[in-house]
């Protein structure tokens, strides 16, 4: 009898069940998968895998500005 992880790897190429995908990051440059039970950032109903992706997207869309203090 073969170990279940070995058998699954031989059948699917992956030793454990792959986590179910909930959505993808809304940042156009990222699109990383967000799995069920993952923590993510949501803004205006769109999921972002991290704060950096949200800020990057907001800067790109012109919804936020990067400024230098004192200038």
Protein backbone atom coordinates (compact mmCIF):
# COMPACT_ATOMS: atom_id res chain seq x y z
CA UNK A 1 0.00 0.00 0.00
CA UNK A 2 1.29 3.41 -0.99
CA UNK A 3 1.37 6.50 1.28
CA UNK A 4 -1.60 8.79 0.41
CA UNK A 5 0.67 11.81 -0.24
CA UNK A 6 2.79 9.79 -2.67
CA UNK A 7 -0.27 8.45 -4.44
CA UNK A 8 -1.79 11.94 -4.70
CA UNK A 9 1.53 13.30 -6.04
CA UNK A 10 1.65 10.62 -8.70
CA UNK A 11 -1.95 11.36 -9.74
CA UNK A 12 -2.01 15.16 -9.51
CA UNK A 13 1.60 16.32 -9.21
CA UNK A 14 0.84 17.86 -5.81
CA UNK A 15 1.26 15.99 -2.49
CA UNK A 16 -1.60 17.67 -0.61
CA UNK A 17 -4.95 19.02 -1.71
CA UNK A 18 -4.42 22.43 -3.25
CA UNK A 19 -6.08 25.26 -1.34
CA UNK A 20 -9.26 26.55 -2.96
CA UNK A 21 -8.87 29.89 -4.70
CA UNK A 22 -11.19 32.61 -3.35
CA UNK A 23 -10.17 35.37 -5.78
CA UNK A 24 -7.16 37.12 -7.30
CA UNK A 25 -5.44 40.35 -6.29
CA UNK A 26 -7.11 43.32 -8.02
CA UNK A 27 -3.72 44.98 -8.68
CA UNK A 28 -3.24 44.76 -12.45
CA UNK A 29 0.48 43.99 -12.05
CA UNK A 30 0.07 41.30 -9.38
CA UNK A 31 -3.00 39.04 -9.84
CA UNK A 32 -1.74 36.72 -7.04
CA UNK A 33 -4.22 34.06 -5.95
CA UNK A 34 -6.07 34.67 -2.69
CA UNK A 35 -7.12 31.39 -1.08
CA UNK A 36 -9.95 30.73 1.34
CA UNK A 37 -8.88 31.60 4.91
CA UNK A 38 -6.10 33.92 3.61
CA UNK A 39 -5.94 37.41 5.06
CA UNK A 40 -6.24 40.16 2.44
CA UNK A 41 -7.03 43.86 2.05
CA UNK A 42 -10.33 44.95 0.54
CA UNK A 43 -11.04 48.38 -0.93
CA UNK A 44 -14.22 49.40 -2.75
CA UNK A 45 -15.23 45.74 -3.00
CA UNK A 46 -11.94 44.66 -4.63
CA UNK A 47 -9.50 42.23 -2.97
CA UNK A 48 -5.77 42.99 -2.73
CA UNK A 49 -3.29 40.39 -1.50
CA UNK A 50 -1.41 43.01 0.57
CA UNK A 51 -1.35 46.70 1.53
CA UNK A 52 1.47 47.38 -0.92
CA UNK A 53 -0.63 46.20 -3.87
CA UNK A 54 -3.51 48.44 -2.82
CA UNK A 55 -1.27 51.50 -2.47
CA UNK A 56 0.46 50.77 -5.79
CA UNK A 57 -2.90 50.48 -7.57
CA UNK A 58 -4.22 53.69 -5.96
CA UNK A 59 -1.09 55.60 -7.00
CA UNK A 60 -1.36 54.27 -10.55
CA UNK A 61 -5.04 55.21 -10.83
CA UNK A 62 -4.44 58.68 -9.40
CA UNK A 63 -6.52 58.03 -6.26
CA UNK A 64 -3.49 58.78 -4.07
CA UNK A 65 -0.35 60.88 -4.44
CA UNK A 66 3.20 60.32 -3.28
CA UNK A 67 4.53 63.58 -1.80
CA UNK A 68 7.71 64.75 -0.12
CA UNK A 69 7.24 66.65 3.14
CA UNK A 70 8.29 70.30 2.97
CA UNK A 71 8.16 70.57 -0.83
